[in-house]
Amino acid sequence: MKMLRLSALVFLTIPALAAPAVAAPAEGPEPALVARYNFDGGATDGRVNDLSGKGGVLTIRGADNGTVAITTEGAGRYASFPALCPSTTTGICARAIMEAADNANLDPGTNTFRWAASVRVTPAQVRGKANIMQKGTAGTDSLWKLQLTGKSGRAQCIVAGKGSAQTFSATSTRTVTDGAWHKIVCERSGTGLAVSVDGVAGTRAAIPSTLSIDNDMPLRIGGPNFGETSDMYHGQLDDVYVQVG
């Protein structure tokens, strides 16, 4: 009987293929803080300093004996605006705004842009609309704005671009006119305009990617101007800030 001769089996060790290197996602630049006012430093000679060093000093302006009071509560301070007139038939009432001169840092062009404020306001302090902060006015070259709606007590973020009269708005799903503090954030990013209240997203508006905001208007907080029917804000305000990028 023939013996079968088995050839030795040679096992070759094949080195494991190294996993392809995965490039880390590119990170864009951090948003730049271009204005911030928290009022903790109070007001000196009717002026409130900007904490970012880029947005300009706010000047308190009033009409018919109106002013903005810097109110202390606990360890912090906030801005208090004049009270709403009891009715529309009582004549002209005190009005006040805070204003910073035109500043190119507050003109975002087509860049990602965020503007925000903390508010405390009751239903009795709102009639019609109330402008919290804005740069530009309706019908001018361009505009960004945060306002409250009187009927629903919700927050609205509004933008308009250069060369167009069309405005776009995003509205919060939550009311803010309940006498409690609420943080409102507006954000324009690419083709979207968004709003949130205390981190809860509201509606989102589609806007052109080419929409550019660049005007020579001042930053105004608390109202657009001193017209008798202007949409003035009559509540309390804190931690106002603007970021670009």
C-alpha atoms as a PDB file:
ATOM      1  CA  MET A   1       0.000   0.000   0.000  1.00  0.00           C
ATOM      2  CA  LYS A   2       1.372   3.300  -1.080  1.00  0.00           C
ATOM      3  CA  MET A   3       1.861   5.890   1.588  1.00  0.00           C
ATOM      4  CA  LEU A   4       0.523   9.302   0.644  1.00  0.00           C
ATOM      5  CA  ARG A   5       3.096  11.954   1.208  1.00  0.00           C
ATOM      6  CA  LEU A   6       1.468  15.125   2.433  1.00  0.00           C
ATOM      7  CA  SER A   7       3.157  18.319   1.473  1.00  0.00           C
ATOM      8  CA  ALA A   8       3.569  20.722   4.267  1.00  0.00           C
ATOM      9  CA  LEU A   9       1.097  23.511   4.110  1.00  0.00           C
ATOM     10  CA  VAL A  10       2.599  26.912   4.336  1.00  0.00           C
ATOM     11  CA  PHE A  11       0.400  29.614   5.842  1.00  0.00           C
ATOM     12  CA  LEU A  12       1.297  33.081   4.805  1.00  0.00           C
ATOM     13  CA  THR A  13       0.517  35.872   7.190  1.00  0.00           C
ATOM     14  CA  ILE A  14      -0.949  38.789   5.289  1.00  0.00           C
ATOM     15  CA  PRO A  15      -0.626  42.067   7.093  1.00  0.00           C
ATOM     16  CA  ALA A  16      -3.964  43.680   7.897  1.00  0.00           C
ATOM     17  CA  LEU A  17      -4.806  46.631   5.745  1.00  0.00           C
ATOM     18  CA  ALA A  18      -4.735  49.867   7.664  1.00  0.00           C
ATOM     19  CA  ALA A  19      -8.021  51.748   7.820  1.00  0.00           C
ATOM     20  CA  PRO A  20      -8.011  54.745   5.524  1.00  0.00           C
ATOM     21  CA  ALA A  21      -7.362  57.950   7.320  1.00  0.00           C
ATOM     22  CA  VAL A  22     -10.501  60.038   7.784  1.00  0.00           C
ATOM     23  CA  ALA A  23      -9.942  63.738   7.684  1.00  0.00           C
ATOM     24  CA  ALA A  24     -11.467  65.643  10.557  1.00  0.00           C
ATOM     25  CA  PRO A  25     -14.332  67.856   9.451  1.00  0.00           C
ATOM     26  CA  ALA A  26     -13.206  71.357   8.795  1.00  0.00           C
ATOM     27  CA  GLU A  27     -14.348  73.752  11.456  1.00  0.00           C
ATOM     28  CA  GLY A  28     -15.420  77.234  10.510  1.00  0.00           C
ATOM     29  CA  PRO A  29     -14.414  80.265  12.500  1.00  0.00           C
ATOM     30  CA  GLU A  30     -16.105  80.847  15.814  1.00  0.00           C
ATOM     31  CA  PRO A  31     -18.953  83.368  15.701  1.00  0.00           C
ATOM     32  CA  ALA A  32     -17.629  86.828  16.478  1.00  0.00           C
ATOM     33  CA  LEU A  33     -19.357  88.754  19.239  1.00  0.00           C
ATOM     34  CA  VAL A  34     -19.793  92.256  17.817  1.00  0.00           C
ATOM     35  CA  ALA A  35     -22.053  93.809  20.476  1.00  0.00           C
ATOM     36  CA  ARG A  36     -23.176  92.938  23.995  1.00  0.00           C
ATOM     37  CA  TYR A  37     -24.987  94.918  26.669  1.00  0.00           C
ATOM     38  CA  ASN A  38     -25.917  93.310  30.007  1.00  0.00           C
ATOM     39  CA  PHE A  39     -26.416  96.582  31.969  1.00  0.00           C
ATOM     40  CA  ASP A  40     -24.612  95.261  35.050  1.00  0.00           C
ATOM     41  CA  GLY A  41     -22.230  98.209  34.832  1.00  0.00           C
ATOM     42  CA  GLY A  42     -25.150 100.639  34.952  1.00  0.00           C
ATOM     43  CA  ALA A  43     -25.314 103.835  32.922  1.00  0.00           C
ATOM     44  CA  THR A  44     -22.896 106.747  33.220  1.00  0.00           C
ATOM     45  CA  ASP A  45     -24.174 110.103  31.973  1.00  0.00           C
ATOM     46  CA  GLY A  46     -26.907 108.278  30.112  1.00  0.00           C
ATOM     47  CA  ARG A  47     -24.495 105.926  28.337  1.00  0.00           C
ATOM     48  CA  VAL A  48     -24.165 102.126  28.532  1.00  0.00           C
ATOM     49  CA  ASN A  49     -20.879 100.481  27.562  1.00  0.00           C
ATOM     50  CA  ASP A  50     -20.608  97.696  24.998  1.00  0.00           C
ATOM     51  CA  LEU A  51     -18.862  94.654  26.485  1.00  0.00           C
ATOM     52  CA  SER A  52     -17.618  93.282  23.145  1.00  0.00           C
ATOM     53  CA  GLY A  53     -15.522  96.343  22.330  1.00  0.00           C
ATOM     54  CA  LYS A  54     -16.913  96.340  18.780  1.00  0.00           C
ATOM     55  CA  GLY A  55     -20.526  97.495  18.917  1.00  0.00           C
ATOM     56  CA  GLY A  56     -20.369 101.033  20.250  1.00  0.00           C
ATOM     57  CA  VAL A  57     -21.737 102.768  23.330  1.00  0.00           C
ATOM     58  CA  LEU A  58     -25.514 102.969  23.814  1.00  0.00           C
ATOM     59  CA  THR A  59     -26.943 106.421  24.511  1.00  0.00           C
ATOM     60  CA  ILE A  60     -30.264 106.685  26.337  1.00  0.00           C
ATOM     61  CA  ARG A  61     -32.633 109.008  24.478  1.00  0.00           C
ATOM     62  CA  GLY A  62     -36.089 110.060  25.606  1.00  0.00           C
ATOM     63  CA  ALA A  63     -39.126 112.054  24.572  1.00  0.00           C
ATOM     64  CA  ASP A  64     -41.837 113.614  26.755  1.00  0.00           C
ATOM     65  CA  ASN A  65     -39.851 112.963  29.941  1.00  0.00           C
ATOM     66  CA  GLY A  66     -39.211 109.348  29.063  1.00  0.00           C
ATOM     67  CA  THR A  67     -36.011 107.559  30.059  1.00  0.00           C
ATOM     68  CA  VAL A  68     -34.589 104.062  30.441  1.00  0.00           C
ATOM     69  CA  ALA A  69     -33.947 103.115  34.055  1.00  0.00           C
ATOM     70  CA  ILE A  70     -31.185 100.661  34.967  1.00  0.00           C
ATOM     71  CA  THR A  71     -32.839  98.519  37.629  1.00  0.00           C
ATOM     72  CA  THR A  72     -30.993  96.404  40.190  1.00  0.00           C
ATOM     73  CA  GLU A  73     -32.413  93.005  41.084  1.00  0.00           C
ATOM     74  CA  GLY A  74     -30.381  90.534  43.114  1.00  0.00           C
ATOM     75  CA  ALA A  75     -26.799  90.468  41.842  1.00  0.00           C
ATOM     76  CA  GLY A  76     -27.640  91.805  38.396  1.00  0.00           C
ATOM     77  CA  ARG A  77     -29.159  94.771  36.572  1.00  0.00           C
ATOM     78  CA  TYR A  78     -31.447  95.226  33.597  1.00  0.00           C
ATOM     79  CA  ALA A  79     -33.011  98.024  31.557  1.00  0.00           C
ATOM     80  CA  SER A  80     -36.581  99.167  32.286  1.00  0.00           C
ATOM     81  CA  PHE A  81     -38.508 101.122  29.643  1.00  0.00           C
ATOM     82  CA  PRO A  82     -41.309 103.659  30.222  1.00  0.00           C
ATOM     83  CA  ALA A  83     -44.801 102.381  30.990  1.00  0.00           C
ATOM     84  CA  LEU A  84     -47.423 101.993  28.305  1.00  0.00           C
ATOM     85  CA  CYS A  85     -50.070 104.725  28.185  1.00  0.00           C
ATOM     86  CA  PRO A  86     -53.356 103.582  29.807  1.00  0.00           C
ATOM     87  CA  SER A  87     -55.182 104.151  26.516  1.00  0.00           C
ATOM     88  CA  THR A  88     -54.638 105.524  23.038  1.00  0.00           C
ATOM     89  CA  THR A  89     -56.705 108.629  23.850  1.00  0.00           C
ATOM     90  CA  THR A  90     -54.656 110.017  26.736  1.00  0.00           C
ATOM     91  CA  GLY A  91     -52.269 111.966  24.538  1.00  0.00           C
ATOM     92  CA  ILE A  92     -48.509 111.645  24.132  1.00  0.00           C
ATOM     93  CA  CYS A  93     -46.767 109.549  26.771  1.00  0.00           C
ATOM     94  CA  ALA A  94     -43.173 109.093  27.838  1.00  0.00           C
ATOM     95  CA  ARG A  95     -41.022 107.199  25.341  1.00  0.00           C
ATOM     96  CA  ALA A  96     -37.384 106.138  25.410  1.00  0.00           C
ATOM     97  CA  ILE A  97     -34.876 104.172  23.389  1.00  0.00           C
ATOM     98  CA  MET A  98     -31.194 103.300  23.555  1.00  0.00           C
ATOM     99  CA  GLU A  99     -29.131 104.048  20.475  1.00  0.00           C
ATOM    100  CA  ALA A 100     -25.622 103.284  19.205  1.00  0.00           C
ATOM    101  CA  ALA A 101     -24.143 104.976  16.145  1.00  0.00           C
ATOM    102  CA  ASP A 102     -23.963 103.182  12.798  1.00  0.00           C
ATOM    103  CA  ASN A 103     -21.257 100.528  12.951  1.00  0.00           C
ATOM    104  CA  ALA A 104     -20.086  98.301  10.086  1.00  0.00           C
ATOM    105  CA  ASN A 105     -19.652  95.393  12.517  1.00  0.00           C
ATOM    106  CA  LEU A 106     -23.436  95.242  12.810  1.00  0.00           C
ATOM    107  CA  ASP A 107     -23.945  94.948   9.038  1.00  0.00           C
ATOM    108  CA  PRO A 108     -23.635  91.199   8.379  1.00  0.00           C
ATOM    109  CA  GLY A 109     -24.093  91.244   4.610  1.00  0.00           C
ATOM    110  CA  THR A 110     -24.872  87.637   3.628  1.00  0.00           C
ATOM    111  CA  ASN A 111     -22.993  86.090   6.580  1.00  0.00           C
ATOM    112  CA  THR A 112     -24.468  83.930   9.309  1.00  0.00           C
ATOM    113  CA  PHE A 113     -25.832  86.318  11.889  1.00  0.00           C
ATOM    114  CA  ARG A 114     -27.408  86.022  15.336  1.00  0.00           C
ATOM    115  CA  TRP A 115     -29.092  88.679  17.491  1.00  0.00           C
ATOM    116  CA  ALA A 116     -30.663  88.032  20.867  1.00  0.00           C
ATOM    117  CA  ALA A 117     -32.115  89.516  24.038  1.00  0.00           C
ATOM    118  CA  SER A 118     -33.748  88.474  27.295  1.00  0.00           C
ATOM    119  CA  VAL A 119     -37.123  90.090  27.958  1.00  0.00           C
ATOM    120  CA  ARG A 120     -39.647  90.324  30.755  1.00  0.00           C
ATOM    121  CA  VAL A 121     -42.993  91.781  29.759  1.00  0.00           C
ATOM    122  CA  THR A 122     -46.686  91.356  30.589  1.00  0.00           C
ATOM    123  CA  PRO A 123     -49.736  91.526  28.284  1.00  0.00           C
ATOM    124  CA  ALA A 124     -50.589  94.921  29.786  1.00  0.00           C
ATOM    125  CA  GLN A 125     -47.237  96.287  28.533  1.00  0.00           C
ATOM    126  CA  VAL A 126     -47.866  95.474  24.868  1.00  0.00           C
ATOM    127  CA  ARG A 127     -50.276  97.152  22.472  1.00  0.00           C
ATOM    128  CA  GLY A 128     -49.867  96.338  18.807  1.00  0.00           C
ATOM    129  CA  LYS A 129     -46.223  95.558  18.086  1.00  0.00           C
ATOM    130  CA  ALA A 130     -43.184  96.304  20.217  1.00  0.00           C
ATOM    131  CA  ASN A 131     -39.694  96.693  18.711  1.00  0.00           C
ATOM    132  CA  ILE A 132     -37.007  95.264  20.962  1.00  0.00           C
ATOM    133  CA  MET A 133     -33.927  95.838  18.795  1.00  0.00           C
ATOM    134  CA  GLN A 134     -33.196  96.710  15.190  1.00  0.00           C
ATOM    135  CA  LYS A 135     -30.794  98.177  12.687  1.00  0.00           C
ATOM    136  CA  GLY A 136     -32.620  99.748   9.777  1.00  0.00           C
ATOM    137  CA  THR A 137     -36.323 100.454   9.355  1.00  0.00           C
ATOM    138  CA  ALA A 138     -39.003  99.126   7.031  1.00  0.00           C
ATOM    139  CA  GLY A 139     -38.713 100.611   3.570  1.00  0.00           C
ATOM    140  CA  THR A 140     -35.042 101.564   3.949  1.00  0.00           C
ATOM    141  CA  ASP A 141     -31.970  99.993   2.372  1.00  0.00           C
ATOM    142  CA  SER A 142     -32.036  96.817   4.500  1.00  0.00           C
ATOM    143  CA  LEU A 143     -33.122  95.694   7.956  1.00  0.00           C
ATOM    144  CA  TRP A 144     -32.737  93.240  10.799  1.00  0.00           C
ATOM    145  CA  LYS A 145     -35.149  93.392  13.731  1.00  0.00           C
ATOM    146  CA  LEU A 146     -36.561  91.593  16.779  1.00  0.00           C
ATOM    147  CA  GLN A 147     -40.095  92.531  17.811  1.00  0.00           C
ATOM    148  CA  LEU A 148     -43.099  91.305  19.792  1.00  0.00           C
ATOM    149  CA  THR A 149     -46.592  90.886  18.392  1.00  0.00           C
ATOM    150  CA  GLY A 150     -49.343  92.394  20.529  1.00  0.00           C
ATOM    151  CA  LYS A 151     -52.177  89.943  19.895  1.00  0.00           C
ATOM    152  CA  SER A 152     -50.298  86.691  20.434  1.00  0.00           C
ATOM    153  CA  GLY A 153     -47.406  87.937  22.568  1.00  0.00           C
ATOM    154  CA  ARG A 154     -44.934  86.027  20.425  1.00  0.00           C
ATOM    155  CA  ALA A 155     -41.463  86.992  19.262  1.00  0.00           C
ATOM    156  CA  GLN A 156     -40.725  87.756  15.630  1.00  0.00           C
ATOM    157  CA  CYS A 157     -37.407  88.008  13.786  1.00  0.00           C
ATOM    158  CA  ILE A 158     -37.526  90.082  10.603  1.00  0.00           C
ATOM    159  CA  VAL A 159     -35.020  90.777   7.833  1.00  0.00           C
ATOM    160  CA  ALA A 160     -35.048  92.695   4.555  1.00  0.00           C
ATOM    161  CA  GLY A 161     -32.225  92.798   2.019  1.00  0.00           C
ATOM    162  CA  LYS A 162     -30.583  95.557   0.059  1.00  0.00           C
ATOM    163  CA  GLY A 163     -32.410  96.549  -3.094  1.00  0.00           C
ATOM    164  CA  SER A 164     -35.688  94.887  -2.102  1.00  0.00           C
ATOM    165  CA  ALA A 165     -38.800  95.987  -0.220  1.00  0.00           C
ATOM    166  CA  GLN A 166     -39.699  92.382   0.647  1.00  0.00           C
ATOM    167  CA  THR A 167     -39.438  91.356   4.294  1.00  0.00           C
ATOM    168  CA  PHE A 168     -39.126  87.863   5.761  1.00  0.00           C
ATOM    169  CA  SER A 169     -40.154  86.846   9.282  1.00  0.00           C
ATOM    170  CA  ALA A 170     -39.936  83.896  11.660  1.00  0.00           C
ATOM    171  CA  THR A 171     -42.339  83.694  14.626  1.00  0.00           C
ATOM    172  CA  SER A 172     -41.926  81.884  17.950  1.00  0.00           C
ATOM    173  CA  THR A 173     -44.309  79.110  18.968  1.00  0.00           C
ATOM    174  CA  ARG A 174     -44.190  80.305  22.576  1.00  0.00           C
ATOM    175  CA  THR A 175     -45.592  83.498  23.984  1.00  0.00           C
ATOM    176  CA  VAL A 176     -43.229  85.698  25.968  1.00  0.00           C
ATOM    177  CA  THR A 177     -45.747  88.119  27.511  1.00  0.00           C
ATOM    178  CA  ASP A 178     -46.286  86.238  30.765  1.00  0.00           C
ATOM    179  CA  GLY A 179     -44.237  88.347  33.179  1.00  0.00           C
ATOM    180  CA  ALA A 180     -41.327  85.866  33.277  1.00  0.00           C
ATOM    181  CA  TRP A 181     -37.853  86.243  31.792  1.00  0.00           C
ATOM    182  CA  HIS A 182     -37.397  84.679  28.359  1.00  0.00           C
ATOM    183  CA  LYS A 183     -34.368  84.491  26.087  1.00  0.00           C
ATOM    184  CA  ILE A 184     -35.156  85.181  22.419  1.00  0.00           C
ATOM    185  CA  VAL A 185     -32.625  84.303  19.717  1.00  0.00           C
ATOM    186  CA  CYS A 186     -32.869  85.208  16.021  1.00  0.00           C
ATOM    187  CA  GLU A 187     -30.541  83.645  13.466  1.00  0.00           C
ATOM    188  CA  ARG A 188     -30.021  84.112   9.752  1.00  0.00           C
ATOM    189  CA  SER A 189     -27.942  81.307   8.255  1.00  0.00           C
ATOM    190  CA  GLY A 190     -27.666  80.763   4.506  1.00  0.00           C
ATOM    191  CA  THR A 191     -31.187  80.469   3.158  1.00  0.00           C
ATOM    192  CA  GLY A 192     -32.932  80.254   6.526  1.00  0.00           C
ATOM    193  CA  LEU A 193     -34.239  82.674   9.158  1.00  0.00           C
ATOM    194  CA  ALA A 194     -35.014  81.108  12.544  1.00  0.00           C
ATOM    195  CA  VAL A 195     -36.259  82.133  15.983  1.00  0.00           C
ATOM    196  CA  SER A 196     -36.208  80.383  19.357  1.00  0.00           C
ATOM    197  CA  VAL A 197     -37.530  81.188  22.821  1.00  0.00           C
ATOM    198  CA  ASP A 198     -35.716  79.566  25.736  1.00  0.00           C
ATOM    199  CA  GLY A 199     -34.207  77.103  23.258  1.00  0.00           C
ATOM    200  CA  VAL A 200     -37.549  76.079  21.720  1.00  0.00           C
ATOM    201  CA  ALA A 201     -37.574  76.623  17.956  1.00  0.00           C
ATOM    202  CA  GLY A 202     -40.334  78.557  16.253  1.00  0.00           C
ATOM    203  CA  THR A 203     -41.170  78.819  12.580  1.00  0.00           C
ATOM    204  CA  ARG A 204     -38.398  78.991  10.001  1.00  0.00           C
ATOM    205  CA  ALA A 205     -38.548  81.249   6.959  1.00  0.00           C
ATOM    206  CA  ALA A 206     -36.812  80.577   3.656  1.00  0.00           C
ATOM    207  CA  ILE A 207     -34.832  83.576   2.417  1.00  0.00           C
ATOM    208  CA  PRO A 208     -32.608  84.157  -0.638  1.00  0.00           C
ATOM    209  CA  SER A 209     -28.968  83.212  -0.112  1.00  0.00           C
ATOM    210  CA  THR A 210     -28.095  86.547  -1.723  1.00  0.00           C
ATOM    211  CA  LEU A 211     -30.079  88.588   0.806  1.00  0.00           C
ATOM    212  CA  SER A 212     -27.587  91.155   2.107  1.00  0.00           C
ATOM    213  CA  ILE A 213     -28.051  93.400   5.151  1.00  0.00           C
ATOM    214  CA  ASP A 214     -25.950  96.538   5.087  1.00  0.00           C
ATOM    215  CA  ASN A 215     -27.273  99.979   5.996  1.00  0.00           C
ATOM    216  CA  ASP A 216     -26.098 103.233   7.556  1.00  0.00           C
ATOM    217  CA  MET A 217     -28.731 103.299  10.315  1.00  0.00           C
ATOM    218  CA  PRO A 218     -27.950 103.273  14.059  1.00  0.00           C
ATOM    219  CA  LEU A 219     -28.643 100.329  16.329  1.00  0.00           C
ATOM    220  CA  ARG A 220     -31.837 101.114  18.236  1.00  0.00           C
ATOM    221  CA  ILE A 221     -33.127  99.235  21.253  1.00  0.00           C
ATOM    222  CA  GLY A 222     -36.658  99.782  22.583  1.00  0.00           C
ATOM    223  CA  GLY A 223     -38.264 101.357  19.521  1.00  0.00           C
ATOM    224  CA  PRO A 224     -37.693 102.533  15.937  1.00  0.00           C
ATOM    225  CA  ASN A 225     -38.028 106.292  16.566  1.00  0.00           C
ATOM    226  CA  PHE A 226     -40.145 108.767  18.561  1.00  0.00           C
ATOM    227  CA  GLY A 227     -43.240 108.885  16.376  1.00  0.00           C
ATOM    228  CA  GLU A 228     -46.545 109.136  18.249  1.00  0.00           C
ATOM    229  CA  THR A 229     -47.603 105.719  16.931  1.00  0.00           C
ATOM    230  CA  SER A 230     -44.173 104.043  16.889  1.00  0.00           C
ATOM    231  CA  ASP A 231     -43.929 100.450  18.089  1.00  0.00           C
ATOM    232  CA  MET A 232     -42.247 101.131  21.434  1.00  0.00           C
ATOM    233  CA  TYR A 233     -41.159  98.470  23.913  1.00  0.00           C
ATOM    234  CA  HIS A 234     -42.430  98.945  27.495  1.00  0.00           C
ATOM    235  CA  GLY A 235     -41.029  95.980  29.437  1.00  0.00           C
ATOM    236  CA  GLN A 236     -37.657  95.013  30.913  1.00  0.00           C
ATOM    237  CA  LEU A 237     -34.622  93.969  28.889  1.00  0.00           C
ATOM    238  CA  ASP A 238     -31.317  92.243  29.596  1.00  0.00           C
ATOM    239  CA  ASP A 239     -28.312  90.589  27.915  1.00  0.00           C
ATOM    240  CA  VAL A 240     -28.640  92.036  24.420  1.00  0.00           C
ATOM    241  CA  TYR A 241     -26.020  90.694  22.029  1.00  0.00           C
ATOM    242  CA  VAL A 242     -25.125  90.340  18.341  1.00  0.00           C
ATOM    243  CA  GLN A 243     -22.852  87.723  16.711  1.00  0.00           C
ATOM    244  CA  VAL A 244     -21.594  87.414  13.136  1.00  0.00           C
ATOM    245  CA  GLY A 245     -20.166  84.269  11.538  1.00  0.00           C
END
